[in-house]
Amino acid sequence: MTIAPDRALSGAAPDIASGGAPGLAPAAIDPRVFRDTLGHYASGITIIGGIEDGAPVGFTCQSFYSVSTEPPLVSFSVMTTSTTYPRIRSTGRFSVNVLSHHQHTVSNQFARSGTDKWAGIDWSPAASGNPVIADTLMWLDCDIWAEHEAGDHLIVIGRVNEMSPASWHRHDPLLYFKGKYRHLREVEG
């Protein structure tokens, strides 16, 4: 189902950005302000990985979520300018490594361009051969199910074929909030 951006439909909600009057074009949104606003949404950090010519490749990804349980589907978004994702896409599969609270240096290492992202990273292959990083919060191994263009990003949907066993799940997540790494803490009271 596609939702058309037709603001002239009866019952359409007022466009707050243009002063609340229905049917008026929205005000331009500054990309930096938009990014800063979205930074108020806490998220986990993942490393999307793959194998190319027998060597691991990967990148840091903050935009990851579950899609469906039947079939088991997950999704991530990646910039269309990524030089790593096309190398993973060509294999038709990928791994998702959800980082643990103590792995902020891993996140930083994979976020840099032009470096050996896997230097010093302890990993082992999933059944498919995709890299599973040691001591992560959890991991999934997937086949690419679908890919959709969305502005300056691609939305990639993967079908899960293998995942970390329950015994693997022993850490808290690494979180990213307002441009900084954060950790969980118990709610008091």
N, C-alpha and C. Protein backbone atom coordinates (compact mmCIF):
# COMPACT_ATOMS: atom_id res chain seq x y z
N MET A 1 0.84 -1.17 0.00
CA MET A 1 0.00 0.00 0.00
C MET A 1 0.89 1.23 0.00
N THR A 2 0.59 2.19 -0.86
CA THR A 2 1.33 3.43 -0.94
C THR A 2 0.44 4.56 -0.46
N ILE A 3 0.99 5.42 0.38
CA ILE A 3 0.24 6.57 0.85
C ILE A 3 0.72 7.78 0.07
N ALA A 4 -0.19 8.42 -0.63
CA ALA A 4 0.16 9.59 -1.43
C ALA A 4 0.26 10.82 -0.54
N PRO A 5 1.22 11.70 -0.84
CA PRO A 5 1.38 12.91 -0.03
C PRO A 5 0.41 14.00 -0.43
N ASP A 6 -0.84 13.67 -0.70
CA ASP A 6 -1.84 14.64 -1.12
C ASP A 6 -2.48 15.29 0.10
N ARG A 7 -2.16 16.55 0.33
CA ARG A 7 -2.66 17.25 1.50
C ARG A 7 -4.06 17.81 1.25
N ALA A 8 -4.56 17.70 0.05
CA ALA A 8 -5.87 18.24 -0.27
C ALA A 8 -7.00 17.28 0.11
N LEU A 9 -6.65 16.06 0.55
CA LEU A 9 -7.68 15.11 0.93
C LEU A 9 -8.48 15.64 2.11
N SER A 10 -9.80 15.41 2.09
CA SER A 10 -10.61 15.86 3.21
C SER A 10 -10.20 15.11 4.47
N GLY A 11 -10.17 15.81 5.57
CA GLY A 11 -9.80 15.19 6.82
C GLY A 11 -8.30 15.12 7.04
N ALA A 12 -7.51 15.67 6.10
CA ALA A 12 -6.05 15.64 6.27
C ALA A 12 -5.66 16.50 7.45
N ALA A 13 -4.69 16.06 8.18
CA ALA A 13 -4.21 16.81 9.34
C ALA A 13 -3.54 18.10 8.89
N PRO A 14 -3.69 19.16 9.67
CA PRO A 14 -3.01 20.41 9.32
C PRO A 14 -1.50 20.22 9.31
N ASP A 15 -0.84 20.96 8.44
CA ASP A 15 0.60 20.91 8.32
C ASP A 15 1.20 21.91 9.30
N ILE A 16 1.69 21.42 10.43
CA ILE A 16 2.18 22.29 11.49
C ILE A 16 3.36 23.12 11.01
N ALA A 17 4.21 22.55 10.17
CA ALA A 17 5.41 23.26 9.71
C ALA A 17 5.06 24.51 8.91
N SER A 18 3.90 24.55 8.29
CA SER A 18 3.53 25.72 7.49
C SER A 18 2.50 26.59 8.21
N GLY A 19 2.43 26.47 9.50
CA GLY A 19 1.52 27.32 10.26
C GLY A 19 0.18 26.68 10.52
N GLY A 20 0.00 25.42 10.19
CA GLY A 20 -1.21 24.71 10.53
C GLY A 20 -2.30 24.75 9.47
N ALA A 21 -2.09 25.45 8.38
CA ALA A 21 -3.12 25.53 7.36
C ALA A 21 -2.99 24.36 6.39
N PRO A 22 -4.07 23.56 6.22
CA PRO A 22 -4.00 22.44 5.29
C PRO A 22 -3.77 22.92 3.86
N GLY A 23 -3.01 22.13 3.11
CA GLY A 23 -2.82 22.40 1.70
C GLY A 23 -1.63 23.29 1.37
N LEU A 24 -1.03 23.93 2.36
CA LEU A 24 0.14 24.76 2.09
C LEU A 24 1.39 23.91 2.07
N ALA A 25 2.34 24.32 1.25
CA ALA A 25 3.60 23.57 1.16
C ALA A 25 4.34 23.67 2.49
N PRO A 26 4.95 22.58 2.93
CA PRO A 26 5.70 22.62 4.18
C PRO A 26 6.94 23.50 4.05
N ALA A 27 7.35 24.06 5.16
CA ALA A 27 8.58 24.85 5.18
C ALA A 27 9.77 23.94 4.90
N ALA A 28 10.81 24.49 4.29
CA ALA A 28 12.01 23.71 4.03
C ALA A 28 12.63 23.28 5.36
N ILE A 29 13.13 22.05 5.40
CA ILE A 29 13.73 21.52 6.62
C ILE A 29 15.24 21.49 6.43
N ASP A 30 15.93 22.14 7.33
CA ASP A 30 17.38 22.17 7.31
C ASP A 30 17.91 20.78 7.65
N PRO A 31 18.75 20.17 6.80
CA PRO A 31 19.24 18.81 7.05
C PRO A 31 19.95 18.65 8.39
N ARG A 32 20.73 19.65 8.81
CA ARG A 32 21.45 19.55 10.09
C ARG A 32 20.48 19.57 11.27
N VAL A 33 19.48 20.44 11.19
CA VAL A 33 18.48 20.52 12.26
C VAL A 33 17.67 19.22 12.30
N PHE A 34 17.36 18.68 11.13
CA PHE A 34 16.62 17.41 11.05
C PHE A 34 17.43 16.30 11.72
N ARG A 35 18.71 16.23 11.39
CA ARG A 35 19.58 15.20 11.97
C ARG A 35 19.68 15.36 13.49
N ASP A 36 19.84 16.60 13.95
CA ASP A 36 19.91 16.85 15.39
C ASP A 36 18.61 16.46 16.09
N THR A 37 17.50 16.73 15.46
CA THR A 37 16.20 16.36 16.04
C THR A 37 16.09 14.85 16.16
N LEU A 38 16.47 14.13 15.11
CA LEU A 38 16.41 12.67 15.16
C LEU A 38 17.39 12.09 16.18
N GLY A 39 18.41 12.85 16.53
CA GLY A 39 19.37 12.41 17.53
C GLY A 39 18.75 12.26 18.91
N HIS A 40 17.54 12.76 19.09
CA HIS A 40 16.83 12.61 20.36
C HIS A 40 16.15 11.25 20.47
N TYR A 41 16.30 10.43 19.45
CA TYR A 41 15.78 9.07 19.48
C TYR A 41 16.96 8.14 19.75
N ALA A 42 16.95 7.49 20.90
CA ALA A 42 18.04 6.57 21.25
C ALA A 42 17.96 5.32 20.39
N SER A 43 19.12 4.85 19.97
CA SER A 43 19.15 3.62 19.17
C SER A 43 20.36 2.79 19.55
N GLY A 44 20.31 1.53 19.17
CA GLY A 44 21.46 0.66 19.30
C GLY A 44 22.41 0.89 18.14
N ILE A 45 23.56 0.26 18.21
CA ILE A 45 24.56 0.37 17.15
C ILE A 45 24.85 -1.03 16.63
N THR A 46 24.87 -1.17 15.31
CA THR A 46 25.18 -2.46 14.70
C THR A 46 26.38 -2.33 13.77
N ILE A 47 26.99 -3.46 13.51
CA ILE A 47 27.96 -3.58 12.43
C ILE A 47 27.34 -4.53 11.41
N ILE A 48 27.11 -4.03 10.21
CA ILE A 48 26.61 -4.86 9.12
C ILE A 48 27.85 -5.43 8.43
N GLY A 49 27.91 -6.75 8.32
CA GLY A 49 29.10 -7.38 7.78
C GLY A 49 28.83 -8.32 6.63
N GLY A 50 29.88 -8.62 5.92
CA GLY A 50 29.83 -9.57 4.82
C GLY A 50 31.23 -10.07 4.51
N ILE A 51 31.32 -10.94 3.54
CA ILE A 51 32.61 -11.47 3.10
C ILE A 51 32.77 -11.16 1.62
N GLU A 52 33.93 -10.60 1.28
CA GLU A 52 34.26 -10.33 -0.12
C GLU A 52 35.64 -10.91 -0.39
N ASP A 53 35.73 -11.79 -1.37
CA ASP A 53 37.00 -12.43 -1.72
C ASP A 53 37.69 -13.03 -0.49
N GLY A 54 36.90 -13.66 0.39
CA GLY A 54 37.44 -14.35 1.54
C GLY A 54 37.79 -13.47 2.73
N ALA A 55 37.60 -12.16 2.61
CA ALA A 55 37.93 -11.24 3.70
C ALA A 55 36.66 -10.53 4.18
N PRO A 56 36.60 -10.22 5.49
CA PRO A 56 35.42 -9.53 6.01
C PRO A 56 35.36 -8.07 5.59
N VAL A 57 34.15 -7.58 5.35
CA VAL A 57 33.88 -6.16 5.09
C VAL A 57 32.72 -5.78 6.00
N GLY A 58 32.59 -4.49 6.30
CA GLY A 58 31.49 -4.08 7.15
C GLY A 58 31.46 -2.59 7.40
N PHE A 59 30.36 -2.14 8.01
CA PHE A 59 30.20 -0.73 8.34
C PHE A 59 29.28 -0.58 9.55
N THR A 60 29.43 0.53 10.25
CA THR A 60 28.59 0.86 11.39
C THR A 60 27.22 1.30 10.87
N CYS A 61 26.17 0.82 11.53
CA CYS A 61 24.82 1.17 11.13
C CYS A 61 23.96 1.38 12.37
N GLN A 62 23.31 2.51 12.44
CA GLN A 62 22.46 2.86 13.57
C GLN A 62 20.99 2.59 13.25
N SER A 63 20.65 2.54 11.99
CA SER A 63 19.25 2.39 11.58
C SER A 63 18.95 0.92 11.28
N PHE A 64 18.57 0.19 12.31
CA PHE A 64 18.29 -1.23 12.22
C PHE A 64 17.04 -1.54 13.03
N TYR A 65 16.20 -2.44 12.52
CA TYR A 65 14.97 -2.80 13.25
C TYR A 65 14.39 -4.11 12.72
N SER A 66 13.51 -4.71 13.53
CA SER A 66 12.82 -5.92 13.09
C SER A 66 11.64 -5.53 12.21
N VAL A 67 11.30 -6.40 11.26
CA VAL A 67 10.21 -6.14 10.32
C VAL A 67 9.08 -7.14 10.51
N SER A 68 9.40 -8.43 10.61
CA SER A 68 8.39 -9.48 10.63
C SER A 68 8.92 -10.70 11.36
N THR A 69 8.01 -11.44 11.98
CA THR A 69 8.41 -12.72 12.58
C THR A 69 8.09 -13.89 11.67
N GLU A 70 7.11 -13.76 10.78
CA GLU A 70 6.73 -14.80 9.82
C GLU A 70 6.62 -14.20 8.43
N PRO A 71 7.61 -14.30 7.61
CA PRO A 71 8.92 -14.89 7.86
C PRO A 71 9.78 -13.95 8.71
N PRO A 72 10.87 -14.46 9.28
CA PRO A 72 11.72 -13.61 10.10
C PRO A 72 12.51 -12.61 9.24
N LEU A 73 12.11 -11.34 9.32
CA LEU A 73 12.73 -10.29 8.51
C LEU A 73 13.23 -9.16 9.40
N VAL A 74 14.36 -8.57 9.02
CA VAL A 74 14.91 -7.38 9.65
C VAL A 74 15.27 -6.39 8.56
N SER A 75 15.56 -5.16 8.98
CA SER A 75 15.91 -4.13 8.00
C SER A 75 16.97 -3.19 8.55
N PHE A 76 17.75 -2.65 7.63
CA PHE A 76 18.67 -1.56 7.97
C PHE A 76 18.67 -0.57 6.82
N SER A 77 19.11 0.63 7.11
CA SER A 77 19.25 1.66 6.08
C SER A 77 20.71 2.03 5.94
N VAL A 78 21.11 2.30 4.71
CA VAL A 78 22.50 2.64 4.41
C VAL A 78 22.51 3.75 3.36
N MET A 79 23.45 4.66 3.47
CA MET A 79 23.54 5.76 2.51
C MET A 79 23.84 5.22 1.11
N THR A 80 23.24 5.86 0.11
CA THR A 80 23.46 5.43 -1.27
C THR A 80 24.91 5.64 -1.69
N THR A 81 25.64 6.47 -0.97
CA THR A 81 27.05 6.74 -1.30
C THR A 81 28.01 5.75 -0.64
N SER A 82 27.49 4.80 0.13
CA SER A 82 28.35 3.82 0.79
C SER A 82 29.19 3.07 -0.24
N THR A 83 30.46 2.91 0.07
CA THR A 83 31.32 2.11 -0.81
C THR A 83 31.40 0.66 -0.32
N THR A 84 31.01 0.43 0.94
CA THR A 84 31.07 -0.92 1.49
C THR A 84 29.82 -1.73 1.16
N TYR A 85 28.63 -1.11 1.24
CA TYR A 85 27.41 -1.89 1.03
C TYR A 85 27.36 -2.57 -0.34
N PRO A 86 27.75 -1.93 -1.43
CA PRO A 86 27.71 -2.64 -2.72
C PRO A 86 28.55 -3.92 -2.72
N ARG A 87 29.61 -3.94 -1.93
CA ARG A 87 30.45 -5.14 -1.83
C ARG A 87 29.71 -6.24 -1.08
N ILE A 88 28.92 -5.87 -0.10
CA ILE A 88 28.10 -6.84 0.63
C ILE A 88 26.92 -7.28 -0.23
N ARG A 89 26.26 -6.32 -0.88
CA ARG A 89 25.10 -6.61 -1.73
C ARG A 89 25.43 -7.66 -2.79
N SER A 90 26.62 -7.58 -3.36
CA SER A 90 26.98 -8.50 -4.44
C SER A 90 26.98 -9.96 -4.00
N THR A 91 27.08 -10.22 -2.69
CA THR A 91 27.06 -11.59 -2.19
C THR A 91 25.64 -12.08 -1.91
N GLY A 92 24.70 -11.13 -1.77
CA GLY A 92 23.31 -11.51 -1.51
C GLY A 92 23.02 -11.83 -0.05
N ARG A 93 23.97 -11.57 0.83
CA ARG A 93 23.76 -11.90 2.26
C ARG A 93 24.56 -10.95 3.13
N PHE A 94 24.20 -10.89 4.42
CA PHE A 94 24.89 -10.03 5.36
C PHE A 94 24.68 -10.53 6.79
N SER A 95 25.55 -10.09 7.68
CA SER A 95 25.36 -10.34 9.11
C SER A 95 25.06 -9.02 9.80
N VAL A 96 24.36 -9.11 10.92
CA VAL A 96 24.08 -7.96 11.77
C VAL A 96 24.68 -8.28 13.13
N ASN A 97 25.59 -7.45 13.59
CA ASN A 97 26.23 -7.60 14.89
C ASN A 97 25.78 -6.42 15.75
N VAL A 98 24.94 -6.67 16.76
CA VAL A 98 24.45 -5.62 17.64
C VAL A 98 25.47 -5.45 18.76
N LEU A 99 26.05 -4.26 18.85
CA LEU A 99 27.15 -4.04 19.77
C LEU A 99 26.72 -3.97 21.23
N SER A 100 27.60 -4.49 22.10
CA SER A 100 27.40 -4.46 23.54
C SER A 100 27.90 -3.14 24.12
N HIS A 101 27.50 -2.87 25.35
CA HIS A 101 27.80 -1.60 26.02
C HIS A 101 29.29 -1.26 26.05
N HIS A 102 30.16 -2.24 26.00
CA HIS A 102 31.61 -1.99 26.10
C HIS A 102 32.29 -1.90 24.72
N GLN A 103 31.53 -1.88 23.62
CA GLN A 103 32.13 -1.95 22.28
C GLN A 103 32.08 -0.62 21.51
N HIS A 104 32.14 0.51 22.20
CA HIS A 104 32.12 1.80 21.50
C HIS A 104 33.35 1.98 20.61
N THR A 105 34.50 1.39 21.00
CA THR A 105 35.69 1.51 20.15
C THR A 105 35.51 0.73 18.84
N VAL A 106 34.76 -0.37 18.90
CA VAL A 106 34.45 -1.14 17.68
C VAL A 106 33.59 -0.28 16.76
N SER A 107 32.59 0.37 17.33
CA SER A 107 31.72 1.25 16.55
C SER A 107 32.53 2.35 15.87
N ASN A 108 33.40 2.99 16.62
CA ASN A 108 34.23 4.07 16.06
C ASN A 108 35.14 3.55 14.96
N GLN A 109 35.71 2.38 15.16
CA GLN A 109 36.63 1.80 14.17
C GLN A 109 35.91 1.55 12.84
N PHE A 110 34.69 1.04 12.90
CA PHE A 110 33.94 0.74 11.68
C PHE A 110 33.33 1.97 11.03
N ALA A 111 33.23 3.07 11.77
CA ALA A 111 32.66 4.30 11.22
C ALA A 111 33.67 5.08 10.39
N ARG A 112 34.95 4.75 10.49
CA ARG A 112 35.98 5.47 9.75
C ARG A 112 36.16 4.90 8.35
N SER A 113 36.42 5.79 7.42
CA SER A 113 36.70 5.37 6.04
C SER A 113 38.20 5.26 5.84
N GLY A 114 38.58 4.38 4.94
CA GLY A 114 39.97 4.28 4.54
C GLY A 114 40.89 3.58 5.52
N THR A 115 40.32 2.87 6.49
CA THR A 115 41.15 2.14 7.45
C THR A 115 40.81 0.66 7.37
N ASP A 116 41.64 -0.17 7.98
CA ASP A 116 41.33 -1.60 8.09
C ASP A 116 40.36 -1.76 9.24
N LYS A 117 39.09 -1.80 8.94
CA LYS A 117 38.05 -1.86 9.96
C LYS A 117 38.11 -3.12 10.80
N TRP A 118 38.69 -4.17 10.28
CA TRP A 118 38.72 -5.45 10.98
C TRP A 118 40.02 -5.68 11.76
N ALA A 119 40.94 -4.72 11.75
CA ALA A 119 42.20 -4.87 12.48
C ALA A 119 41.92 -5.03 13.97
N GLY A 120 42.38 -6.14 14.53
CA GLY A 120 42.21 -6.39 15.96
C GLY A 120 40.83 -6.82 16.39
N ILE A 121 39.92 -7.04 15.44
CA ILE A 121 38.55 -7.45 15.77
C ILE A 121 38.48 -8.98 15.80
N ASP A 122 38.03 -9.51 16.92
CA ASP A 122 37.86 -10.96 17.07
C ASP A 122 36.51 -11.34 16.46
N TRP A 123 36.54 -12.20 15.45
CA TRP A 123 35.30 -12.62 14.81
C TRP A 123 35.42 -14.07 14.37
N SER A 124 34.26 -14.67 14.13
CA SER A 124 34.20 -16.03 13.59
C SER A 124 33.11 -16.05 12.54
N PRO A 125 33.13 -17.02 11.64
CA PRO A 125 32.12 -17.05 10.58
C PRO A 125 30.82 -17.70 11.03
N ALA A 126 29.70 -17.14 10.56
CA ALA A 126 28.40 -17.81 10.67
C ALA A 126 28.43 -18.98 9.68
N ALA A 127 27.37 -19.76 9.65
CA ALA A 127 27.32 -20.89 8.71
C ALA A 127 27.51 -20.42 7.26
N SER A 128 27.03 -19.21 6.95
CA SER A 128 27.16 -18.66 5.60
C SER A 128 28.57 -18.15 5.31
N GLY A 129 29.37 -17.98 6.35
CA GLY A 129 30.70 -17.40 6.20
C GLY A 129 30.75 -15.94 6.64
N ASN A 130 29.59 -15.30 6.81
CA ASN A 130 29.56 -13.89 7.21
C ASN A 130 30.17 -13.72 8.60
N PRO A 131 30.79 -12.56 8.84
CA PRO A 131 31.49 -12.34 10.11
C PRO A 131 30.55 -12.08 11.29
N VAL A 132 30.81 -12.80 12.39
CA VAL A 132 30.12 -12.61 13.65
C VAL A 132 31.17 -12.11 14.63
N ILE A 133 30.99 -10.88 15.11
CA ILE A 133 31.95 -10.26 16.02
C ILE A 133 31.76 -10.83 17.42
N ALA A 134 32.86 -11.17 18.06
CA ALA A 134 32.84 -11.74 19.40
C ALA A 134 32.29 -10.75 20.42
N ASP A 135 31.57 -11.29 21.40
CA ASP A 135 31.13 -10.55 22.58
C ASP A 135 30.09 -9.47 22.29
N THR A 136 29.39 -9.58 21.17
CA THR A 136 28.33 -8.62 20.87
C THR A 136 27.09 -8.94 21.70
N LEU A 137 26.13 -8.04 21.68
CA LEU A 137 24.86 -8.25 22.37
C LEU A 137 24.09 -9.41 21.75
N MET A 138 24.07 -9.44 20.42
CA MET A 138 23.41 -10.49 19.64
C MET A 138 23.87 -10.38 18.20
N TRP A 139 23.57 -11.42 17.40
CA TRP A 139 23.90 -11.35 15.98
C TRP A 139 22.85 -12.12 15.18
N LEU A 140 22.74 -11.74 13.91
CA LEU A 140 21.84 -12.38 12.96
C LEU A 140 22.60 -12.57 11.65
N ASP A 141 22.25 -13.62 10.92
CA ASP A 141 22.81 -13.82 9.60
C ASP A 141 21.65 -13.90 8.62
N CYS A 142 21.73 -13.14 7.53
CA CYS A 142 20.56 -12.94 6.66
C CYS A 142 20.90 -13.05 5.18
N ASP A 143 19.88 -13.37 4.40
CA ASP A 143 19.91 -13.22 2.95
C ASP A 143 19.19 -11.93 2.61
N ILE A 144 19.64 -11.22 1.60
CA ILE A 144 18.94 -10.00 1.18
C ILE A 144 17.60 -10.40 0.58
N TRP A 145 16.53 -9.88 1.14
CA TRP A 145 15.16 -10.18 0.74
C TRP A 145 14.64 -9.14 -0.24
N ALA A 146 14.94 -7.85 0.04
CA ALA A 146 14.48 -6.74 -0.82
C ALA A 146 15.34 -5.52 -0.53
N GLU A 147 15.30 -4.59 -1.45
CA GLU A 147 16.02 -3.33 -1.30
C GLU A 147 15.15 -2.24 -1.93
N HIS A 148 15.05 -1.10 -1.22
CA HIS A 148 14.21 0.00 -1.70
C HIS A 148 14.97 1.31 -1.59
N GLU A 149 14.87 2.15 -2.64
CA GLU A 149 15.46 3.48 -2.58
C GLU A 149 14.56 4.36 -1.73
N ALA A 150 15.19 5.19 -0.88
CA ALA A 150 14.45 6.14 -0.04
C ALA A 150 15.31 7.38 0.15
N GLY A 151 15.15 8.36 -0.72
CA GLY A 151 15.95 9.58 -0.63
C GLY A 151 17.42 9.27 -0.82
N ASP A 152 18.24 9.69 0.15
CA ASP A 152 19.68 9.46 0.05
C ASP A 152 20.12 8.16 0.71
N HIS A 153 19.16 7.28 1.01
CA HIS A 153 19.45 5.98 1.63
C HIS A 153 18.81 4.84 0.85
N LEU A 154 19.29 3.65 1.12
CA LEU A 154 18.65 2.41 0.67
C LEU A 154 18.10 1.73 1.92
N ILE A 155 16.90 1.20 1.82
CA ILE A 155 16.32 0.38 2.88
C ILE A 155 16.51 -1.06 2.44
N VAL A 156 17.27 -1.81 3.23
CA VAL A 156 17.59 -3.20 2.91
C VAL A 156 16.82 -4.10 3.87
N ILE A 157 16.11 -5.07 3.33
CA ILE A 157 15.37 -6.03 4.15
C ILE A 157 16.06 -7.38 4.00
N GLY A 158 16.30 -8.03 5.13
CA GLY A 158 16.96 -9.32 5.12
C GLY A 158 16.12 -10.40 5.78
N ARG A 159 16.18 -11.59 5.23
CA ARG A 159 15.53 -12.76 5.83
C ARG A 159 16.55 -13.46 6.71
N VAL A 160 16.20 -13.63 7.98
CA VAL A 160 17.12 -14.21 8.96
C VAL A 160 17.20 -15.72 8.76
N ASN A 161 18.42 -16.24 8.64
CA ASN A 161 18.66 -17.68 8.48
C ASN A 161 19.31 -18.30 9.71
N GLU A 162 20.03 -17.49 10.46
CA GLU A 162 20.74 -17.98 11.64
C GLU A 162 20.83 -16.83 12.63
N MET A 163 20.85 -17.15 13.93
CA MET A 163 20.97 -16.09 14.94
C MET A 163 21.71 -16.60 16.16
N SER A 164 22.13 -15.65 16.97
CA SER A 164 22.88 -16.00 18.18
C SER A 164 22.02 -16.85 19.10
N PRO A 165 22.63 -17.83 19.76
CA PRO A 165 21.89 -18.67 20.71
C PRO A 165 21.60 -17.87 21.99
N ALA A 166 20.62 -18.34 22.76
CA ALA A 166 20.24 -17.65 24.00
C ALA A 166 21.43 -17.46 24.94
N SER A 167 22.36 -18.40 24.95
CA SER A 167 23.52 -18.32 25.84
C SER A 167 24.44 -17.14 25.48
N TRP A 168 24.32 -16.63 24.28
CA TRP A 168 25.14 -15.51 23.81
C TRP A 168 24.71 -14.20 24.46
N HIS A 169 23.43 -14.09 24.81
CA HIS A 169 22.81 -12.83 25.23
C HIS A 169 23.08 -12.54 26.71
N ARG A 170 24.23 -11.93 26.99
CA ARG A 170 24.61 -11.71 28.39
C ARG A 170 25.01 -10.27 28.70
N HIS A 171 24.97 -9.38 27.72
CA HIS A 171 25.40 -8.00 27.93
C HIS A 171 24.24 -7.02 27.77
N ASP A 172 24.48 -5.78 28.17
CA ASP A 172 23.57 -4.67 27.87
C ASP A 172 23.99 -4.07 26.54
N PRO A 173 23.08 -3.32 25.89
CA PRO A 173 23.42 -2.75 24.59
C PRO A 173 24.25 -1.48 24.69
N LEU A 174 24.97 -1.18 23.61
CA LEU A 174 25.59 0.12 23.41
C LEU A 174 24.51 0.98 22.77
N LEU A 175 24.23 2.13 23.36
CA LEU A 175 23.21 3.04 22.83
C LEU A 175 23.85 4.30 22.28
N TYR A 176 23.15 4.94 21.36
CA TYR A 176 23.59 6.22 20.80
C TYR A 176 22.44 7.19 20.98
N PHE A 177 22.72 8.34 21.63
CA PHE A 177 21.68 9.31 21.95
C PHE A 177 22.30 10.71 21.95
N LYS A 178 21.71 11.61 21.18
CA LYS A 178 22.16 13.00 21.10
C LYS A 178 23.65 13.10 20.79
N GLY A 179 24.10 12.26 19.85
CA GLY A 179 25.47 12.33 19.36
C GLY A 179 26.52 11.70 20.26
N LYS A 180 26.09 10.95 21.28
CA LYS A 180 27.04 10.34 22.20
C LYS A 180 26.63 8.90 22.51
N TYR A 181 27.63 8.09 22.86
CA TYR A 181 27.34 6.74 23.31
C TYR A 181 26.78 6.80 24.72
N ARG A 182 25.84 5.91 24.99
CA ARG A 182 25.20 5.85 26.31
C ARG A 182 25.06 4.40 26.73
N HIS A 183 24.77 4.21 28.00
CA HIS A 183 24.52 2.88 28.56
C HIS A 183 23.17 2.89 29.25
N LEU A 184 22.57 1.71 29.37
CA LEU A 184 21.33 1.58 30.12
C LEU A 184 21.59 1.75 31.60
N ARG A 185 20.58 2.17 32.30
CA ARG A 185 20.64 2.13 33.76
C ARG A 185 19.23 1.86 34.23
N GLU A 186 19.12 1.20 35.35
CA GLU A 186 17.82 0.84 35.92
C GLU A 186 17.04 2.10 36.29
N VAL A 187 15.73 2.06 36.08
CA VAL A 187 14.87 3.16 36.50
C VAL A 187 14.66 3.03 38.00
N GLU A 188 14.91 4.10 38.72
CA GLU A 188 14.76 4.07 40.18
C GLU A 188 13.33 4.41 40.57
N GLY A 189 12.85 3.72 41.61
CA GLY A 189 11.52 4.01 42.14
C GLY A 189 10.49 3.27 41.46
